[in-house]
Structures are given as C-alpha cells and as structure tokens.
C-alpha cells in the first residue's frame, strides 16, 4: 500500500482500491503514508508541520503515534 500506484501490479492496485473503498480510514492512512514518503523522498521538510496537522486531524492512532 505504500508503493506508488504506477509501481503496483493491476491485481495489487485493485485490492488496494477495494480496501480504500470499504474503509475511509484505510484510504486516509494510505494517502498520509504516501504523502510522508513523497515528502521524505523529495526532501521537503517545510511540508512536515502540515503533514503532522493532517495526521492529527485523521484521528488514526497508529499514525499519531508514528508522528509523535
């Protein structure tokens, strides 16, 4: 779920799409995780505070723990 969509096989993409459709929390977690990876890969430290704010708003305890 943390790979870029273009790096996934069709079957994997379909599975992730189904999971995201069934659970808004999974969709949000995936989006935030990918956003984090892109921020790190792109060395965009200025985006970190905004990302933290999105994590807190998500109320996903695992991501909040990671962000802490």
PDB file of N, CA and C in Angstrom:
ATOM      1  N   UNK A   1       0.810  -1.207   0.000  1.00  0.00           N
ATOM      2  CA  UNK A   1       0.000   0.000   0.000  1.00  0.00           C
ATOM      3  C   UNK A   1       0.846   1.261   0.000  1.00  0.00           C
ATOM      4  N   UNK A   2       2.126   1.103   0.251  1.00  0.00           N
ATOM      5  CA  UNK A   2       2.988   2.274   0.316  1.00  0.00           C
ATOM      6  C   UNK A   2       3.740   2.540  -0.978  1.00  0.00           C
ATOM      7  N   UNK A   3       3.520   1.705  -1.955  1.00  0.00           N
ATOM      8  CA  UNK A   3       4.172   1.915  -3.243  1.00  0.00           C
ATOM      9  C   UNK A   3       3.384   2.920  -4.065  1.00  0.00           C
ATOM     10  N   UNK A   4       4.082   3.573  -4.947  1.00  0.00           N
ATOM     11  CA  UNK A   4       3.413   4.466  -5.878  1.00  0.00           C
ATOM     12  C   UNK A   4       2.490   3.625  -6.760  1.00  0.00           C
ATOM     13  N   UNK A   5       1.322   4.149  -7.095  1.00  0.00           N
ATOM     14  CA  UNK A   5       0.375   3.366  -7.902  1.00  0.00           C
ATOM     15  C   UNK A   5       0.986   2.789  -9.177  1.00  0.00           C
ATOM     16  N   UNK A   6       1.886   3.521  -9.801  1.00  0.00           N
ATOM     17  CA  UNK A   6       2.490   3.019 -11.038  1.00  0.00           C
ATOM     18  C   UNK A   6       3.454   1.856 -10.795  1.00  0.00           C
ATOM     19  N   UNK A   7       3.819   1.610  -9.540  1.00  0.00           N
ATOM     20  CA  UNK A   7       4.711   0.510  -9.208  1.00  0.00           C
ATOM     21  C   UNK A   7       3.960  -0.782  -8.884  1.00  0.00           C
ATOM     22  N   UNK A   8       2.638  -0.712  -8.858  1.00  0.00           N
ATOM     23  CA  UNK A   8       1.821  -1.856  -8.474  1.00  0.00           C
ATOM     24  C   UNK A   8       1.349  -2.643  -9.692  1.00  0.00           C
ATOM     25  N   UNK A   9       1.175  -3.928  -9.491  1.00  0.00           N
ATOM     26  CA  UNK A   9       0.542  -4.776 -10.497  1.00  0.00           C
ATOM     27  C   UNK A   9      -0.960  -4.460 -10.477  1.00  0.00           C
ATOM     28  N   UNK A  10      -1.650  -4.745 -11.562  1.00  0.00           N
ATOM     29  CA  UNK A  10      -3.093  -4.473 -11.632  1.00  0.00           C
ATOM     30  C   UNK A  10      -3.865  -5.125 -10.494  1.00  0.00           C
ATOM     31  N   UNK A  11      -3.529  -6.363 -10.188  1.00  0.00           N
ATOM     32  CA  UNK A  11      -4.203  -7.094  -9.120  1.00  0.00           C
ATOM     33  C   UNK A  11      -3.991  -6.405  -7.769  1.00  0.00           C
ATOM     34  N   UNK A  12      -2.783  -5.956  -7.512  1.00  0.00           N
ATOM     35  CA  UNK A  12      -2.478  -5.252  -6.264  1.00  0.00           C
ATOM     36  C   UNK A  12      -3.242  -3.936  -6.193  1.00  0.00           C
ATOM     37  N   UNK A  13      -3.269  -3.217  -7.292  1.00  0.00           N
ATOM     38  CA  UNK A  13      -3.972  -1.939  -7.344  1.00  0.00           C
ATOM     39  C   UNK A  13      -5.463  -2.132  -7.069  1.00  0.00           C
ATOM     40  N   UNK A  14      -6.040  -3.167  -7.641  1.00  0.00           N
ATOM     41  CA  UNK A  14      -7.461  -3.457  -7.431  1.00  0.00           C
ATOM     42  C   UNK A  14      -7.740  -3.784  -5.970  1.00  0.00           C
ATOM     43  N   UNK A  15      -6.870  -4.571  -5.348  1.00  0.00           N
ATOM     44  CA  UNK A  15      -7.035  -4.917  -3.939  1.00  0.00           C
ATOM     45  C   UNK A  15      -7.002  -3.661  -3.075  1.00  0.00           C
ATOM     46  N   UNK A  16      -6.036  -2.807  -3.311  1.00  0.00           N
ATOM     47  CA  UNK A  16      -5.915  -1.572  -2.537  1.00  0.00           C
ATOM     48  C   UNK A  16      -7.120  -0.667  -2.773  1.00  0.00           C
ATOM     49  N   UNK A  17      -7.557  -0.566  -4.011  1.00  0.00           N
ATOM     50  CA  UNK A  17      -8.740   0.243  -4.323  1.00  0.00           C
ATOM     51  C   UNK A  17      -9.964  -0.275  -3.566  1.00  0.00           C
ATOM     52  N   UNK A  18     -10.117  -1.596  -3.516  1.00  0.00           N
ATOM     53  CA  UNK A  18     -11.248  -2.182  -2.789  1.00  0.00           C
ATOM     54  C   UNK A  18     -11.157  -1.898  -1.293  1.00  0.00           C
ATOM     55  N   UNK A  19      -9.970  -2.049  -0.722  1.00  0.00           N
ATOM     56  CA  UNK A  19      -9.788  -1.756   0.700  1.00  0.00           C
ATOM     57  C   UNK A  19     -10.110  -0.294   1.010  1.00  0.00           C
ATOM     58  N   UNK A  20      -9.636   0.593   0.151  1.00  0.00           N
ATOM     59  CA  UNK A  20      -9.875   2.023   0.359  1.00  0.00           C
ATOM     60  C   UNK A  20     -11.355   2.373   0.207  1.00  0.00           C
ATOM     61  N   UNK A  21     -12.026   1.688  -0.686  1.00  0.00           N
ATOM     62  CA  UNK A  21     -13.448   1.938  -0.887  1.00  0.00           C
ATOM     63  C   UNK A  21     -14.264   1.439   0.311  1.00  0.00           C
ATOM     64  N   UNK A  22     -13.831   0.330   0.894  1.00  0.00           N
ATOM     65  CA  UNK A  22     -14.549  -0.248   2.028  1.00  0.00           C
ATOM     66  C   UNK A  22     -14.279   0.483   3.338  1.00  0.00           C
ATOM     67  N   UNK A  23     -13.134   1.133   3.434  1.00  0.00           N
ATOM     68  CA  UNK A  23     -12.766   1.789   4.691  1.00  0.00           C
ATOM     69  C   UNK A  23     -12.146   3.162   4.430  1.00  0.00           C
ATOM     70  N   UNK A  24     -12.896   4.209   4.742  1.00  0.00           N
ATOM     71  CA  UNK A  24     -12.325   5.556   4.594  1.00  0.00           C
ATOM     72  C   UNK A  24     -11.054   5.747   5.430  1.00  0.00           C
ATOM     73  N   UNK A  25     -10.976   5.067   6.571  1.00  0.00           N
ATOM     74  CA  UNK A  25      -9.784   5.182   7.416  1.00  0.00           C
ATOM     75  C   UNK A  25      -8.559   4.591   6.713  1.00  0.00           C
ATOM     76  N   UNK A  26      -8.730   3.476   6.041  1.00  0.00           N
ATOM     77  CA  UNK A  26      -7.628   2.872   5.287  1.00  0.00           C
ATOM     78  C   UNK A  26      -7.198   3.813   4.168  1.00  0.00           C
ATOM     79  N   UNK A  27      -8.158   4.413   3.494  1.00  0.00           N
ATOM     80  CA  UNK A  27      -7.850   5.350   2.413  1.00  0.00           C
ATOM     81  C   UNK A  27      -7.046   6.538   2.944  1.00  0.00           C
ATOM     82  N   UNK A  28      -7.487   7.097   4.056  1.00  0.00           N
ATOM     83  CA  UNK A  28      -6.777   8.227   4.655  1.00  0.00           C
ATOM     84  C   UNK A  28      -5.372   7.818   5.088  1.00  0.00           C
ATOM     85  N   UNK A  29      -5.251   6.649   5.714  1.00  0.00           N
ATOM     86  CA  UNK A  29      -3.934   6.169   6.160  1.00  0.00           C
ATOM     87  C   UNK A  29      -2.999   5.986   4.970  1.00  0.00           C
ATOM     88  N   UNK A  30      -3.502   5.423   3.889  1.00  0.00           N
ATOM     89  CA  UNK A  30      -2.674   5.231   2.704  1.00  0.00           C
ATOM     90  C   UNK A  30      -2.231   6.577   2.137  1.00  0.00           C
ATOM     91  N   UNK A  31      -3.159   7.513   2.026  1.00  0.00           N
ATOM     92  CA  UNK A  31      -2.825   8.831   1.481  1.00  0.00           C
ATOM     93  C   UNK A  31      -1.774   9.529   2.328  1.00  0.00           C
ATOM     94  N   UNK A  32      -1.925   9.456   3.646  1.00  0.00           N
ATOM     95  CA  UNK A  32      -0.953  10.101   4.539  1.00  0.00           C
ATOM     96  C   UNK A  32       0.409   9.408   4.481  1.00  0.00           C
ATOM     97  N   UNK A  33       0.406   8.097   4.391  1.00  0.00           N
ATOM     98  CA  UNK A  33       1.674   7.364   4.308  1.00  0.00           C
ATOM     99  C   UNK A  33       2.406   7.695   3.010  1.00  0.00           C
ATOM    100  N   UNK A  34       1.684   7.712   1.909  1.00  0.00           N
ATOM    101  CA  UNK A  34       2.307   8.048   0.625  1.00  0.00           C
ATOM    102  C   UNK A  34       2.788   9.491   0.633  1.00  0.00           C
ATOM    103  N   UNK A  35       1.992  10.367   1.217  1.00  0.00           N
ATOM    104  CA  UNK A  35       2.393  11.773   1.324  1.00  0.00           C
ATOM    105  C   UNK A  35       3.685  11.908   2.125  1.00  0.00           C
ATOM    106  N   UNK A  36       3.789  11.153   3.214  1.00  0.00           N
ATOM    107  CA  UNK A  36       5.005  11.176   4.030  1.00  0.00           C
ATOM    108  C   UNK A  36       6.207  10.710   3.219  1.00  0.00           C
ATOM    109  N   UNK A  37       6.042   9.583   2.515  1.00  0.00           N
ATOM    110  CA  UNK A  37       7.149   9.061   1.714  1.00  0.00           C
ATOM    111  C   UNK A  37       7.583  10.055   0.643  1.00  0.00           C
ATOM    112  N   UNK A  38       6.624  10.693  -0.009  1.00  0.00           N
ATOM    113  CA  UNK A  38       6.961  11.686  -1.035  1.00  0.00           C
ATOM    114  C   UNK A  38       7.672  12.887  -0.427  1.00  0.00           C
ATOM    115  N   UNK A  39       7.244  13.288   0.769  1.00  0.00           N
ATOM    116  CA  UNK A  39       7.882  14.407   1.453  1.00  0.00           C
ATOM    117  C   UNK A  39       9.338  14.062   1.777  1.00  0.00           C
ATOM    118  N   UNK A  40       9.562  12.843   2.256  1.00  0.00           N
ATOM    119  CA  UNK A  40      10.913  12.412   2.610  1.00  0.00           C
ATOM    120  C   UNK A  40      11.771  12.275   1.352  1.00  0.00           C
ATOM    121  N   UNK A  41      11.237  11.607   0.346  1.00  0.00           N
ATOM    122  CA  UNK A  41      11.992  11.414  -0.901  1.00  0.00           C
ATOM    123  C   UNK A  41      12.335  12.737  -1.568  1.00  0.00           C
ATOM    124  N   UNK A  42      11.413  13.684  -1.469  1.00  0.00           N
ATOM    125  CA  UNK A  42      11.621  14.991  -2.089  1.00  0.00           C
ATOM    126  C   UNK A  42      12.349  15.983  -1.198  1.00  0.00           C
ATOM    127  N   UNK A  43      12.701  15.532   0.005  1.00  0.00           N
ATOM    128  CA  UNK A  43      13.415  16.389   0.972  1.00  0.00           C
ATOM    129  C   UNK A  43      12.696  17.723   1.171  1.00  0.00           C
ATOM    130  N   UNK A  44      11.383  17.608   1.438  1.00  0.00           N
ATOM    131  CA  UNK A  44      10.554  18.798   1.624  1.00  0.00           C
ATOM    132  C   UNK A  44      10.200  18.954   3.112  1.00  0.00           C
ATOM    133  N   UNK A  45      11.183  19.294   3.906  1.00  0.00           N
ATOM    134  CA  UNK A  45      10.987  19.436   5.348  1.00  0.00           C
ATOM    135  C   UNK A  45       9.959  20.511   5.677  1.00  0.00           C
ATOM    136  N   UNK A  46       9.806  21.486   4.799  1.00  0.00           N
ATOM    137  CA  UNK A  46       8.845  22.567   5.054  1.00  0.00           C
ATOM    138  C   UNK A  46       7.404  22.063   5.050  1.00  0.00           C
ATOM    139  N   UNK A  47       7.165  20.880   4.537  1.00  0.00           N
ATOM    140  CA  UNK A  47       5.818  20.300   4.495  1.00  0.00           C
ATOM    141  C   UNK A  47       5.493  19.490   5.744  1.00  0.00           C
ATOM    142  N   UNK A  48       6.481  19.282   6.596  1.00  0.00           N
ATOM    143  CA  UNK A  48       6.311  18.383   7.738  1.00  0.00           C
ATOM    144  C   UNK A  48       5.224  18.852   8.703  1.00  0.00           C
ATOM    145  N   UNK A  49       5.217  20.120   9.074  1.00  0.00           N
ATOM    146  CA  UNK A  49       4.215  20.608  10.029  1.00  0.00           C
ATOM    147  C   UNK A  49       2.800  20.428   9.490  1.00  0.00           C
ATOM    148  N   UNK A  50       2.613  20.682   8.218  1.00  0.00           N
ATOM    149  CA  UNK A  50       1.298  20.482   7.607  1.00  0.00           C
ATOM    150  C   UNK A  50       0.898  19.024   7.615  1.00  0.00           C
ATOM    151  N   UNK A  51       1.867  18.139   7.369  1.00  0.00           N
ATOM    152  CA  UNK A  51       1.593  16.713   7.393  1.00  0.00           C
ATOM    153  C   UNK A  51       1.185  16.278   8.793  1.00  0.00           C
ATOM    154  N   UNK A  52       1.894  16.775   9.804  1.00  0.00           N
ATOM    155  CA  UNK A  52       1.557  16.452  11.198  1.00  0.00           C
ATOM    156  C   UNK A  52       0.122  16.886  11.497  1.00  0.00           C
ATOM    157  N   UNK A  53      -0.257  18.070  11.048  1.00  0.00           N
ATOM    158  CA  UNK A  53      -1.626  18.552  11.246  1.00  0.00           C
ATOM    159  C   UNK A  53      -2.653  17.626  10.610  1.00  0.00           C
ATOM    160  N   UNK A  54      -2.353  17.135   9.420  1.00  0.00           N
ATOM    161  CA  UNK A  54      -3.267  16.208   8.750  1.00  0.00           C
ATOM    162  C   UNK A  54      -3.376  14.897   9.518  1.00  0.00           C
ATOM    163  N   UNK A  55      -2.270  14.435  10.063  1.00  0.00           N
ATOM    164  CA  UNK A  55      -2.277  13.199  10.851  1.00  0.00           C
ATOM    165  C   UNK A  55      -3.149  13.374  12.083  1.00  0.00           C
ATOM    166  N   UNK A  56      -2.986  14.467  12.782  1.00  0.00           N
ATOM    167  CA  UNK A  56      -3.792  14.715  13.983  1.00  0.00           C
ATOM    168  C   UNK A  56      -5.273  14.781  13.619  1.00  0.00           C
ATOM    169  N   UNK A  57      -5.595  15.466  12.539  1.00  0.00           N
ATOM    170  CA  UNK A  57      -6.991  15.565  12.092  1.00  0.00           C
ATOM    171  C   UNK A  57      -7.562  14.205  11.700  1.00  0.00           C
ATOM    172  N   UNK A  58      -6.709  13.301  11.233  1.00  0.00           N
ATOM    173  CA  UNK A  58      -7.183  11.987  10.795  1.00  0.00           C
ATOM    174  C   UNK A  58      -7.694  11.137  11.958  1.00  0.00           C
ATOM    175  N   UNK A  59      -7.174  11.396  13.142  1.00  0.00           N
ATOM    176  CA  UNK A  59      -7.517  10.641  14.352  1.00  0.00           C
ATOM    177  C   UNK A  59      -7.162   9.159  14.245  1.00  0.00           C
ATOM    178  N   UNK A  60      -6.197   8.833  13.409  1.00  0.00           N
ATOM    179  CA  UNK A  60      -5.735   7.451  13.278  1.00  0.00           C
ATOM    180  C   UNK A  60      -4.599   7.277  14.286  1.00  0.00           C
ATOM    181  N   UNK A  61      -4.881   6.542  15.340  1.00  0.00           N
ATOM    182  CA  UNK A  61      -3.958   6.469  16.479  1.00  0.00           C
ATOM    183  C   UNK A  61      -2.568   5.967  16.088  1.00  0.00           C
ATOM    184  N   UNK A  62      -2.495   5.001  15.172  1.00  0.00           N
ATOM    185  CA  UNK A  62      -1.194   4.473  14.768  1.00  0.00           C
ATOM    186  C   UNK A  62      -0.339   5.540  14.078  1.00  0.00           C
ATOM    187  N   UNK A  63      -0.956   6.348  13.238  1.00  0.00           N
ATOM    188  CA  UNK A  63      -0.213   7.417  12.572  1.00  0.00           C
ATOM    189  C   UNK A  63       0.162   8.523  13.554  1.00  0.00           C
ATOM    190  N   UNK A  64      -0.720   8.801  14.497  1.00  0.00           N
ATOM    191  CA  UNK A  64      -0.407   9.813  15.500  1.00  0.00           C
ATOM    192  C   UNK A  64       0.781   9.361  16.339  1.00  0.00           C
ATOM    193  N   UNK A  65       0.806   8.092  16.713  1.00  0.00           N
ATOM    194  CA  UNK A  65       1.950   7.552  17.468  1.00  0.00           C
ATOM    195  C   UNK A  65       3.227   7.654  16.647  1.00  0.00           C
ATOM    196  N   UNK A  66       3.133   7.328  15.352  1.00  0.00           N
ATOM    197  CA  UNK A  66       4.296   7.430  14.485  1.00  0.00           C
ATOM    198  C   UNK A  66       4.771   8.881  14.402  1.00  0.00           C
ATOM    199  N   UNK A  67       3.848   9.803  14.253  1.00  0.00           N
ATOM    200  CA  UNK A  67       4.198  11.218  14.131  1.00  0.00           C
ATOM    201  C   UNK A  67       4.842  11.757  15.408  1.00  0.00           C
ATOM    202  N   UNK A  68       4.386  11.257  16.560  1.00  0.00           N
ATOM    203  CA  UNK A  68       4.967  11.681  17.835  1.00  0.00           C
ATOM    204  C   UNK A  68       6.416  11.265  17.897  1.00  0.00           C
TER     205      UNK A  68
END
